[in-house]
N, C-alpha and C. Protein backbone atom coordinates (compact mmCIF):
# COMPACT_ATOMS: atom_id res chain seq x y z
N UNK A 1 -17.97 -13.15 -2.25
CA UNK A 1 -16.70 -12.34 -1.95
C UNK A 1 -17.22 -11.03 -1.60
N UNK A 2 -16.47 -10.46 -0.75
CA UNK A 2 -16.74 -9.10 -0.31
C UNK A 2 -15.99 -8.21 -1.19
N UNK A 3 -15.61 -6.88 -1.03
CA UNK A 3 -14.96 -5.83 -1.74
C UNK A 3 -13.69 -6.25 -2.20
N UNK A 4 -13.28 -5.66 -3.45
CA UNK A 4 -11.85 -5.74 -3.95
C UNK A 4 -11.13 -4.64 -3.34
N UNK A 5 -10.30 -5.10 -2.63
CA UNK A 5 -9.22 -4.11 -1.96
C UNK A 5 -7.86 -4.24 -2.71
N UNK A 6 -7.51 -3.04 -3.15
CA UNK A 6 -6.01 -2.91 -3.46
C UNK A 6 -5.23 -2.60 -2.20
N UNK A 7 -4.09 -3.21 -2.02
CA UNK A 7 -3.28 -3.17 -0.78
C UNK A 7 -1.95 -2.87 -1.16
N UNK A 8 -1.57 -1.45 -1.08
CA UNK A 8 -0.35 -0.97 -1.32
C UNK A 8 0.76 -1.17 -0.23
N UNK A 9 1.75 -1.72 -0.27
CA UNK A 9 2.77 -1.96 0.59
C UNK A 9 3.97 -1.22 0.37
N UNK A 10 4.43 -0.46 1.32
CA UNK A 10 5.84 0.52 1.14
C UNK A 10 6.76 -0.04 2.07
N UNK A 11 8.07 0.55 1.97
CA UNK A 11 9.17 -0.02 2.66
C UNK A 11 9.37 0.24 4.06
N UNK A 12 8.33 0.20 4.99
CA UNK A 12 8.56 0.29 6.48
C UNK A 12 8.71 -1.27 6.93
N UNK A 13 9.92 -1.76 6.73
CA UNK A 13 9.99 -3.14 6.83
C UNK A 13 9.77 -3.76 8.22
N UNK A 14 10.00 -2.87 9.11
CA UNK A 14 9.71 -3.33 10.66
C UNK A 14 8.24 -3.68 10.76
N UNK A 15 7.40 -3.26 9.99
CA UNK A 15 5.90 -3.35 10.19
C UNK A 15 5.44 -4.59 9.28
N UNK A 16 6.22 -5.24 8.45
CA UNK A 16 5.72 -6.24 7.55
C UNK A 16 5.19 -7.51 8.24
N UNK A 17 5.63 -7.82 9.30
CA UNK A 17 4.85 -9.04 10.14
C UNK A 17 3.44 -8.62 10.41
N UNK A 18 3.31 -7.55 10.93
CA UNK A 18 1.75 -7.00 11.26
C UNK A 18 1.02 -6.85 10.04
N UNK A 19 1.68 -6.48 8.78
CA UNK A 19 0.85 -6.33 7.47
C UNK A 19 0.50 -7.70 7.12
N UNK A 20 1.46 -8.69 7.26
CA UNK A 20 1.08 -10.13 6.88
C UNK A 20 -0.15 -10.52 7.69
N UNK A 21 -0.24 -10.14 8.95
CA UNK A 21 -1.29 -10.64 9.81
C UNK A 21 -2.52 -9.94 9.29
N UNK A 22 -2.52 -8.54 8.94
CA UNK A 22 -3.66 -7.86 8.57
C UNK A 22 -4.16 -8.53 7.28
N UNK A 23 -3.37 -8.82 6.31
CA UNK A 23 -3.79 -9.43 4.94
C UNK A 23 -4.39 -10.77 5.27
N UNK A 24 -3.93 -11.58 6.08
CA UNK A 24 -4.48 -12.91 6.49
C UNK A 24 -5.94 -12.77 7.01
N UNK A 25 -6.21 -11.77 7.70
CA UNK A 25 -7.38 -11.36 8.48
C UNK A 25 -8.43 -11.04 7.47
N UNK A 26 -7.95 -10.25 6.42
CA UNK A 26 -8.86 -9.67 5.47
C UNK A 26 -9.14 -10.82 4.56
N UNK A 27 -8.32 -11.73 4.14
CA UNK A 27 -8.59 -12.81 3.29
C UNK A 27 -9.56 -13.63 4.04
N UNK A 28 -9.42 -14.00 5.28
CA UNK A 28 -10.19 -14.82 6.12
C UNK A 28 -11.63 -14.36 6.06
N UNK A 29 -11.66 -12.88 6.11
CA UNK A 29 -13.05 -12.30 5.98
C UNK A 29 -13.59 -12.07 4.64
N UNK A 30 -12.94 -12.86 3.53
CA UNK A 30 -13.54 -13.02 2.39
C UNK A 30 -13.38 -11.83 1.43
N UNK A 31 -12.38 -10.83 1.79
CA UNK A 31 -12.05 -9.70 0.99
C UNK A 31 -11.22 -10.14 -0.24
N UNK A 32 -11.28 -9.65 -1.40
CA UNK A 32 -10.46 -10.01 -2.53
C UNK A 32 -9.42 -8.92 -2.55
N UNK A 33 -8.23 -9.40 -2.02
CA UNK A 33 -6.94 -8.54 -1.87
C UNK A 33 -5.96 -8.71 -3.17
N UNK A 34 -5.77 -7.37 -3.79
CA UNK A 34 -4.79 -7.11 -4.79
C UNK A 34 -3.48 -6.51 -4.16
N UNK A 35 -2.46 -7.18 -4.10
CA UNK A 35 -1.29 -6.54 -3.45
C UNK A 35 -0.50 -5.63 -4.57
N UNK A 36 -0.09 -4.43 -4.24
CA UNK A 36 0.66 -3.60 -4.75
C UNK A 36 2.07 -3.35 -3.92
N UNK A 37 3.06 -3.35 -4.54
CA UNK A 37 4.43 -3.02 -3.71
C UNK A 37 5.10 -1.97 -4.24
N UNK A 38 5.58 -1.16 -3.27
CA UNK A 38 6.70 0.03 -3.89
C UNK A 38 7.84 -0.58 -4.34
N UNK A 39 8.65 0.33 -5.02
CA UNK A 39 10.01 -0.31 -5.46
C UNK A 39 10.97 -0.69 -4.33
N UNK A 40 10.95 -0.04 -3.24
CA UNK A 40 11.44 -0.16 -1.95
C UNK A 40 10.98 -1.43 -1.30
N UNK A 41 9.68 -1.67 -1.50
CA UNK A 41 9.21 -2.79 -0.57
C UNK A 41 9.54 -4.09 -1.34
N UNK A 42 9.51 -4.17 -2.63
CA UNK A 42 9.71 -5.32 -3.45
C UNK A 42 11.21 -5.74 -3.98
N UNK A 43 12.03 -4.76 -3.60
CA UNK A 43 13.45 -4.91 -4.09
C UNK A 43 14.49 -4.88 -3.03
N UNK A 44 14.18 -4.54 -1.83
CA UNK A 44 15.22 -4.25 -0.66
C UNK A 44 15.23 -5.38 0.10
N UNK A 45 16.42 -6.05 0.43
CA UNK A 45 16.58 -7.01 1.44
C UNK A 45 16.86 -6.39 2.74
N UNK A 46 16.27 -6.73 3.79
CA UNK A 46 16.62 -6.09 5.19
C UNK A 46 16.85 -7.22 6.12
N UNK A 47 17.14 -6.77 7.50
CA UNK A 47 17.14 -7.62 8.51
C UNK A 47 15.80 -8.38 8.98
N UNK A 48 14.83 -7.59 8.41
CA UNK A 48 13.31 -8.21 8.49
C UNK A 48 12.99 -9.16 7.47
N UNK A 49 13.94 -9.43 6.34
CA UNK A 49 13.52 -10.35 5.60
C UNK A 49 14.12 -10.14 4.06
N UNK A 50 14.21 -11.18 3.18
CA UNK A 50 14.57 -10.87 1.93
C UNK A 50 13.34 -10.31 1.09
N UNK A 51 13.63 -9.58 0.15
CA UNK A 51 12.49 -9.03 -0.72
C UNK A 51 11.74 -10.16 -1.49
N UNK A 52 12.52 -10.98 -1.97
CA UNK A 52 11.81 -12.07 -2.81
C UNK A 52 10.88 -13.13 -1.88
N UNK A 53 11.28 -13.14 -0.62
CA UNK A 53 10.40 -13.91 0.37
C UNK A 53 9.26 -13.13 0.92
N UNK A 54 9.28 -11.94 0.90
CA UNK A 54 8.31 -11.01 1.29
C UNK A 54 7.26 -11.05 -0.02
N UNK A 55 7.82 -10.92 -1.06
CA UNK A 55 6.70 -10.92 -2.22
C UNK A 55 6.05 -12.33 -2.25
N UNK A 56 6.85 -13.45 -2.08
CA UNK A 56 6.31 -14.66 -2.12
C UNK A 56 5.14 -14.78 -1.03
N UNK A 57 5.35 -14.29 0.16
CA UNK A 57 4.47 -14.58 1.27
C UNK A 57 3.17 -13.66 0.92
N UNK A 58 3.38 -12.50 0.66
CA UNK A 58 2.19 -11.48 0.35
C UNK A 58 1.39 -12.30 -0.76
N UNK A 59 2.08 -12.73 -2.05
CA UNK A 59 1.27 -13.43 -3.03
C UNK A 59 0.60 -14.75 -2.60
N UNK A 60 1.25 -15.43 -1.73
CA UNK A 60 0.65 -16.59 -1.12
C UNK A 60 -0.61 -16.23 -0.39
N UNK A 61 -0.43 -15.27 0.58
CA UNK A 61 -1.59 -14.94 1.42
C UNK A 61 -2.81 -14.34 0.56
N UNK A 62 -2.34 -13.56 -0.41
CA UNK A 62 -3.50 -12.80 -1.21
C UNK A 62 -4.11 -13.80 -2.53
N UNK A 63 -3.30 -14.83 -2.84
CA UNK A 63 -3.58 -15.71 -3.75
C UNK A 63 -3.60 -14.97 -5.21
N UNK A 64 -2.65 -13.99 -5.44
CA UNK A 64 -2.64 -13.12 -6.54
C UNK A 64 -1.26 -12.66 -6.52
N UNK A 65 -0.87 -12.42 -7.84
CA UNK A 65 0.57 -11.81 -8.12
C UNK A 65 0.38 -10.44 -7.70
N UNK A 66 1.63 -10.04 -7.07
CA UNK A 66 1.68 -8.43 -6.72
C UNK A 66 2.02 -7.67 -7.93
N UNK A 67 1.46 -6.43 -7.95
CA UNK A 67 1.71 -5.40 -8.79
C UNK A 67 3.15 -4.91 -8.31
N UNK A 68 4.02 -4.83 -9.33
CA UNK A 68 5.55 -4.45 -8.88
C UNK A 68 6.05 -3.35 -9.75
N UNK A 69 5.35 -2.90 -10.71
CA UNK A 69 5.82 -1.77 -11.68
C UNK A 69 4.66 -1.00 -12.05
N UNK A 70 5.05 0.38 -12.50
CA UNK A 70 4.24 1.37 -12.64
C UNK A 70 3.09 1.04 -13.86
N UNK A 71 3.58 0.34 -15.01
CA UNK A 71 2.84 0.19 -16.11
C UNK A 71 1.73 -0.70 -15.70
N UNK A 72 1.93 -1.61 -14.73
CA UNK A 72 0.78 -2.54 -14.28
C UNK A 72 -0.01 -1.95 -13.40
N UNK A 73 0.46 -0.92 -12.57
CA UNK A 73 -0.60 -0.06 -11.72
C UNK A 73 -1.42 0.85 -12.38
N UNK A 74 -0.95 1.53 -13.53
CA UNK A 74 -1.83 2.46 -14.14
C UNK A 74 -3.15 1.93 -14.63
N UNK A 75 -3.44 0.74 -15.11
CA UNK A 75 -4.68 0.42 -15.51
C UNK A 75 -5.74 0.17 -14.31
N UNK A 76 -5.28 0.22 -13.07
CA UNK A 76 -6.19 0.26 -11.85
C UNK A 76 -7.38 1.33 -12.00
N UNK A 77 -7.08 2.44 -12.43
CA UNK A 77 -7.97 3.53 -12.57
C UNK A 77 -9.08 3.11 -13.71
N UNK A 78 -8.41 3.10 -14.94
CA UNK A 78 -9.39 2.98 -16.18
C UNK A 78 -10.46 1.66 -15.95
N UNK A 79 -9.63 0.67 -15.34
CA UNK A 79 -10.47 -0.70 -15.23
C UNK A 79 -11.44 -0.60 -13.90
N UNK A 80 -11.30 0.23 -13.01
CA UNK A 80 -11.96 0.35 -11.80
C UNK A 80 -11.79 -0.88 -11.09
N UNK A 81 -10.76 -1.27 -10.97
CA UNK A 81 -10.21 -2.49 -10.22
C UNK A 81 -10.64 -2.56 -8.75
N UNK A 82 -10.66 -1.53 -7.90
CA UNK A 82 -10.68 -1.74 -6.58
C UNK A 82 -11.95 -0.75 -6.14
N UNK A 83 -12.61 -1.33 -5.00
CA UNK A 83 -13.49 -0.61 -4.26
C UNK A 83 -12.94 0.37 -3.27
N UNK A 84 -11.74 0.02 -2.91
CA UNK A 84 -10.88 0.90 -1.91
C UNK A 84 -9.59 0.46 -2.07
N UNK A 85 -8.62 1.43 -1.91
CA UNK A 85 -7.21 1.21 -1.89
C UNK A 85 -6.56 1.62 -0.55
N UNK A 86 -5.97 0.53 0.00
CA UNK A 86 -5.20 0.61 1.33
C UNK A 86 -3.69 0.63 0.97
N UNK A 87 -3.08 1.78 1.58
CA UNK A 87 -1.62 1.94 1.62
C UNK A 87 -1.25 1.71 3.02
N UNK A 88 -0.55 0.59 3.24
CA UNK A 88 -0.13 0.23 4.65
C UNK A 88 0.92 -0.87 4.62
N UNK A 89 2.16 -0.60 5.11
CA UNK A 89 2.62 0.75 5.76
C UNK A 89 2.79 1.70 4.56
N UNK A 90 2.41 2.96 5.04
CA UNK A 90 2.74 4.08 4.20
C UNK A 90 3.78 4.90 4.81
N UNK A 91 5.05 4.92 4.16
CA UNK A 91 6.09 5.54 4.65
C UNK A 91 6.06 7.07 4.60
N UNK A 92 6.92 7.83 5.17
CA UNK A 92 7.06 9.24 5.00
C UNK A 92 7.31 9.82 3.62
N UNK A 93 8.12 8.84 2.98
CA UNK A 93 8.57 9.15 1.60
C UNK A 93 7.19 9.11 0.62
N UNK A 94 6.49 8.10 0.94
CA UNK A 94 5.23 7.86 -0.06
C UNK A 94 4.19 9.05 0.43
N UNK A 95 4.04 9.24 1.87
CA UNK A 95 3.33 10.26 2.22
C UNK A 95 3.48 11.68 1.31
N UNK A 96 4.96 12.02 1.40
CA UNK A 96 5.29 13.25 0.60
C UNK A 96 4.91 13.27 -0.79
N UNK A 97 5.20 11.94 -1.42
CA UNK A 97 4.83 11.93 -2.92
C UNK A 97 3.17 12.08 -3.09
N UNK A 98 2.46 11.43 -2.38
CA UNK A 98 0.95 11.47 -2.30
C UNK A 98 0.48 13.00 -2.19
N UNK A 99 1.13 13.64 -1.14
CA UNK A 99 0.70 15.06 -0.81
C UNK A 99 1.19 15.98 -2.13
N UNK A 100 2.32 15.64 -2.81
CA UNK A 100 2.64 16.52 -3.76
C UNK A 100 2.08 15.87 -5.31
N UNK A 101 1.32 14.87 -5.17
CA UNK A 101 0.95 14.36 -6.54
C UNK A 101 2.02 13.72 -7.41
N UNK A 102 2.91 13.05 -6.85
CA UNK A 102 4.08 12.46 -7.53
C UNK A 102 3.62 10.86 -7.81
N UNK A 103 3.59 10.43 -8.82
CA UNK A 103 3.26 9.01 -9.19
C UNK A 103 4.37 8.24 -9.85
N UNK A 104 5.39 8.02 -9.02
CA UNK A 104 6.63 7.43 -9.57
C UNK A 104 6.91 6.06 -9.19
N UNK A 105 5.99 5.44 -8.47
CA UNK A 105 6.23 4.02 -7.81
C UNK A 105 5.04 3.30 -8.19
N UNK A 106 5.00 1.95 -8.01
CA UNK A 106 3.71 1.28 -8.22
C UNK A 106 2.53 1.63 -7.45
N UNK A 107 3.01 1.94 -6.02
CA UNK A 107 2.04 2.28 -5.08
C UNK A 107 1.52 3.77 -5.28
N UNK A 108 2.25 4.67 -5.66
CA UNK A 108 1.74 6.07 -5.90
C UNK A 108 1.05 6.03 -7.06
N UNK A 109 1.48 5.29 -8.24
CA UNK A 109 0.64 5.32 -9.37
C UNK A 109 -0.71 4.72 -9.14
N UNK A 110 -0.70 3.59 -8.21
CA UNK A 110 -2.01 2.93 -7.95
C UNK A 110 -3.02 4.02 -7.21
N UNK A 111 -2.49 4.70 -6.28
CA UNK A 111 -3.45 5.97 -5.73
C UNK A 111 -3.84 6.72 -6.73
N UNK A 112 -2.94 7.40 -7.57
CA UNK A 112 -3.33 8.35 -8.58
C UNK A 112 -4.47 7.68 -9.52
N UNK A 113 -4.21 6.43 -9.94
CA UNK A 113 -5.21 5.97 -11.02
C UNK A 113 -6.60 5.50 -10.11
N UNK A 114 -6.32 5.14 -8.87
CA UNK A 114 -7.71 4.75 -8.17
C UNK A 114 -8.41 5.85 -7.88
N UNK A 115 -7.85 7.11 -7.58
CA UNK A 115 -8.62 8.24 -7.11
C UNK A 115 -9.45 8.77 -8.17
N UNK A 116 -9.04 8.62 -9.59
CA UNK A 116 -9.69 9.15 -10.60
C UNK A 116 -11.14 8.77 -10.53
N UNK A 117 -11.34 7.59 -9.94
CA UNK A 117 -12.82 7.01 -9.85
C UNK A 117 -13.53 7.49 -8.72
N UNK A 118 -12.97 8.45 -7.90
CA UNK A 118 -13.68 9.12 -6.87
C UNK A 118 -14.02 8.04 -5.73
N UNK A 119 -13.13 7.00 -5.47
CA UNK A 119 -13.21 5.96 -4.54
C UNK A 119 -12.32 6.14 -3.48
N UNK A 120 -12.39 5.45 -2.37
CA UNK A 120 -11.59 5.89 -1.20
C UNK A 120 -10.20 5.27 -1.14
N UNK A 121 -9.27 6.07 -0.68
CA UNK A 121 -7.88 5.49 -0.19
C UNK A 121 -7.76 5.59 1.27
N UNK A 122 -7.27 4.51 1.78
CA UNK A 122 -7.03 4.38 3.26
C UNK A 122 -5.44 4.25 3.58
N UNK A 123 -5.00 5.12 4.44
CA UNK A 123 -3.69 5.25 4.63
C UNK A 123 -3.32 4.80 5.99
N UNK A 124 -2.25 3.72 6.17
CA UNK A 124 -1.69 3.32 7.57
C UNK A 124 -0.37 3.82 7.48
N UNK A 125 -0.04 4.90 8.17
CA UNK A 125 1.10 5.55 8.43
C UNK A 125 2.16 4.71 9.08
N UNK A 126 3.36 4.72 8.70
CA UNK A 126 4.67 4.26 9.47
C UNK A 126 5.75 4.92 9.12
N UNK A 127 6.15 6.01 10.12
CA UNK A 127 7.29 6.80 9.55
C UNK A 127 7.89 7.30 10.86
N UNK A 128 9.20 7.42 10.92
CA UNK A 128 9.89 7.88 11.76
C UNK A 128 9.69 9.54 12.23
N UNK A 129 9.32 10.03 11.18
CA UNK A 129 9.14 11.57 11.13
C UNK A 129 7.65 12.08 11.10
N UNK A 130 6.76 11.35 11.61
CA UNK A 130 5.32 11.64 11.44
C UNK A 130 5.07 13.06 12.39
N UNK A 131 5.77 13.21 13.23
CA UNK A 131 5.46 14.59 14.07
C UNK A 131 6.58 15.61 13.77
N UNK A 132 7.24 15.45 12.73
CA UNK A 132 8.09 16.44 12.16
C UNK A 132 7.92 16.64 10.72
N UNK A 133 8.74 16.18 9.93
CA UNK A 133 8.78 16.59 8.42
C UNK A 133 7.47 16.06 7.78
N UNK A 134 7.16 14.89 8.09
CA UNK A 134 5.88 14.30 7.51
C UNK A 134 4.57 14.78 8.05
N UNK A 135 4.59 15.61 9.09
CA UNK A 135 3.43 16.02 9.69
C UNK A 135 2.65 16.99 8.91
N UNK A 136 3.36 17.73 8.09
CA UNK A 136 2.62 18.61 6.94
C UNK A 136 1.95 17.76 5.94
N UNK A 137 2.67 16.59 5.72
CA UNK A 137 1.98 15.87 4.50
C UNK A 137 0.80 15.00 4.98
N UNK A 138 0.80 14.71 6.24
CA UNK A 138 -0.55 13.95 6.96
C UNK A 138 -1.45 15.09 6.81
N UNK A 139 -1.19 16.42 7.19
CA UNK A 139 -2.04 17.23 7.22
C UNK A 139 -2.89 17.69 5.91
N UNK A 140 -1.84 17.79 4.90
CA UNK A 140 -2.39 17.89 3.66
C UNK A 140 -3.40 16.87 3.04
N UNK A 141 -2.91 15.57 3.32
CA UNK A 141 -3.84 14.48 2.99
C UNK A 141 -5.01 14.29 3.75
N UNK A 142 -5.08 14.73 5.06
CA UNK A 142 -6.33 14.72 5.70
C UNK A 142 -7.38 15.68 5.06
N UNK A 143 -6.91 16.80 4.54
CA UNK A 143 -7.79 17.68 3.87
C UNK A 143 -8.28 17.31 2.29
N UNK A 144 -7.85 16.04 1.97
CA UNK A 144 -8.11 15.81 0.64
C UNK A 144 -9.38 14.86 0.59
N UNK A 145 -10.16 15.09 -0.47
CA UNK A 145 -11.31 14.25 -0.67
C UNK A 145 -11.00 12.84 -1.00
N UNK A 146 -11.75 11.93 -0.47
CA UNK A 146 -11.51 10.43 -0.53
C UNK A 146 -10.32 9.89 0.00
N UNK A 147 -9.60 10.54 0.82
CA UNK A 147 -8.46 10.01 1.63
C UNK A 147 -8.69 9.83 3.12
N UNK A 148 -8.42 8.82 3.59
CA UNK A 148 -8.79 8.65 4.98
C UNK A 148 -7.66 7.83 5.73
N UNK A 149 -7.57 7.82 7.05
CA UNK A 149 -6.42 7.22 7.67
C UNK A 149 -6.80 6.06 8.75
N UNK A 150 -5.96 5.06 8.81
CA UNK A 150 -6.09 4.04 9.94
C UNK A 150 -5.62 5.03 11.02
N UNK A 151 -6.30 4.81 12.22
CA UNK A 151 -5.96 5.40 13.47
C UNK A 151 -4.29 5.19 13.74
N UNK A 152 -3.86 6.25 14.12
CA UNK A 152 -2.39 6.28 14.41
C UNK A 152 -1.98 6.87 15.95
N UNK A 153 -0.70 6.39 16.18
CA UNK A 153 -0.21 6.94 17.45
C UNK A 153 1.40 6.85 17.49
N UNK A 154 2.01 7.42 18.43
CA UNK A 154 3.35 7.57 18.72
C UNK A 154 3.72 5.96 18.97
N UNK A 155 4.75 5.38 18.26
CA UNK A 155 4.93 4.01 18.70
C UNK A 155 6.12 3.70 19.50
N UNK A 156 6.84 4.87 19.80
CA UNK A 156 7.83 4.78 20.93
C UNK A 156 8.40 6.15 21.28
N UNK A 157 7.42 6.62 22.23
CA UNK A 157 7.68 8.13 22.51
C UNK A 157 9.00 8.35 23.19
N UNK A 158 9.63 7.50 23.88
CA UNK A 158 10.85 7.68 24.37
C UNK A 158 12.04 7.85 23.45
N UNK A 159 12.13 6.57 22.70
CA UNK A 159 13.26 6.49 21.89
C UNK A 159 13.09 7.11 20.47
N UNK A 160 11.92 7.16 19.98
CA UNK A 160 11.64 7.82 18.66
C UNK A 160 10.32 8.81 18.99
N UNK A 161 10.59 9.86 19.65
CA UNK A 161 9.44 10.76 19.85
C UNK A 161 8.60 11.51 18.82
N UNK A 162 9.30 11.30 17.54
CA UNK A 162 8.57 11.90 16.46
C UNK A 162 8.01 10.78 15.44
N UNK A 163 7.98 9.58 15.79
CA UNK A 163 7.78 8.52 15.14
C UNK A 163 6.32 8.23 15.29
N UNK A 164 5.48 7.95 14.12
CA UNK A 164 4.00 7.66 14.15
C UNK A 164 3.85 6.33 13.40
N UNK A 165 2.98 5.50 14.02
CA UNK A 165 2.45 4.18 13.28
C UNK A 165 1.12 4.01 13.45
N UNK A 166 0.43 3.47 12.40
CA UNK A 166 -1.11 3.20 12.39
C UNK A 166 -1.29 2.00 13.34
N UNK A 167 -2.46 2.05 13.99
CA UNK A 167 -2.76 0.82 14.78
C UNK A 167 -3.43 -0.12 13.72
N UNK A 168 -2.76 -1.05 13.12
CA UNK A 168 -2.97 -2.03 12.09
C UNK A 168 -4.18 -2.81 12.50
N UNK A 169 -4.27 -2.99 13.79
CA UNK A 169 -5.47 -3.88 14.39
C UNK A 169 -6.64 -3.10 13.92
N UNK A 170 -6.81 -2.10 13.68
CA UNK A 170 -8.28 -1.33 13.30
C UNK A 170 -8.14 -1.19 11.72
N UNK A 171 -7.47 -1.85 10.95
CA UNK A 171 -7.60 -1.74 9.54
C UNK A 171 -8.96 -2.09 9.03
N UNK A 172 -9.53 -3.15 9.28
CA UNK A 172 -10.72 -3.72 8.85
C UNK A 172 -11.74 -2.65 9.14
N UNK A 173 -11.92 -2.33 10.52
CA UNK A 173 -12.99 -1.27 10.84
C UNK A 173 -12.77 -0.07 10.11
N UNK A 174 -11.35 0.53 9.86
CA UNK A 174 -11.33 1.70 8.95
C UNK A 174 -11.63 1.41 7.51
N UNK A 175 -11.52 0.33 7.09
CA UNK A 175 -11.94 0.00 5.72
C UNK A 175 -13.41 0.22 5.62
N UNK A 176 -14.25 -0.32 6.53
CA UNK A 176 -15.53 -0.19 6.33
C UNK A 176 -16.06 1.17 6.49
N UNK A 177 -15.32 2.01 7.44
CA UNK A 177 -15.73 3.37 7.57
C UNK A 177 -15.46 4.05 6.34
N UNK A 178 -14.27 3.85 5.75
CA UNK A 178 -13.83 4.62 4.53
C UNK A 178 -14.73 4.33 3.33
N UNK A 179 -15.32 3.01 3.19
CA UNK A 179 -16.16 2.63 2.52
C UNK A 179 -17.54 3.44 2.27
N UNK A 180 -17.85 4.04 3.42
CA UNK A 180 -18.86 4.79 3.68
C UNK A 180 -18.49 6.34 3.42
N UNK A 181 -17.22 6.53 3.14
CA UNK A 181 -16.64 7.83 2.87
C UNK A 181 -16.66 8.75 4.23
N UNK A 182 -16.24 7.89 5.49
CA UNK A 182 -16.30 8.55 6.80
C UNK A 182 -14.87 8.23 7.29
N UNK A 183 -14.21 9.08 8.04
CA UNK A 183 -13.01 8.89 8.90
C UNK A 183 -13.36 8.04 10.19
N UNK A 184 -12.70 6.94 10.45
CA UNK A 184 -12.79 6.47 11.72
C UNK A 184 -12.29 7.42 12.68
N UNK A 185 -12.82 7.22 13.91
CA UNK A 185 -12.36 8.21 14.96
C UNK A 185 -12.07 7.47 16.22
N UNK A 186 -11.22 7.77 17.06
CA UNK A 186 -10.29 9.04 16.91
C UNK A 186 -9.20 8.58 15.97
N UNK A 187 -8.75 9.56 15.30
CA UNK A 187 -7.72 9.24 14.24
C UNK A 187 -6.25 9.25 14.99
N UNK A 188 -6.07 9.82 16.13
CA UNK A 188 -4.80 9.86 16.85
C UNK A 188 -5.04 9.31 18.20
N UNK A 189 -4.51 8.46 18.79
CA UNK A 189 -4.37 8.02 20.28
C UNK A 189 -3.23 8.23 20.95
């Protein structure tokens, strides 16, 4: 089996189907995936699906129980569970918390715990305010050691001109680069 990958999933529900596909591809490539879900992702029913069904689907794909609370995320650091931690989709809310060092969800605690081991975190942005309010947080995180980004782009420049979404098709390539402590380029298309 390849590397142990923590995979943090936040509440950008419109990207969940893409994330399910990413998880399937990573599992097919024999990565060992450990799902971690934010409170929003694990508790909110939306037009994109019910929370319990999303959890079940993620757990079925990964063949592991999802980490759904802070106390279960904290041991990630001391136990050195992951080679890399991917956060995708990473919402503007989570970007802000990561930039400010706030660890009040399972995903943000997972990042804090994982970073203590000087191992890479890979962020796949998905936020409607990526070119406005969240831009400063993206900039802050780009300047942090051990934090890398999946290439991103505007997802609908006409109807949502400030919205940014990662190119989730580049997740595995970005993982490989981040494991070498390199940022995949170009970062913005």
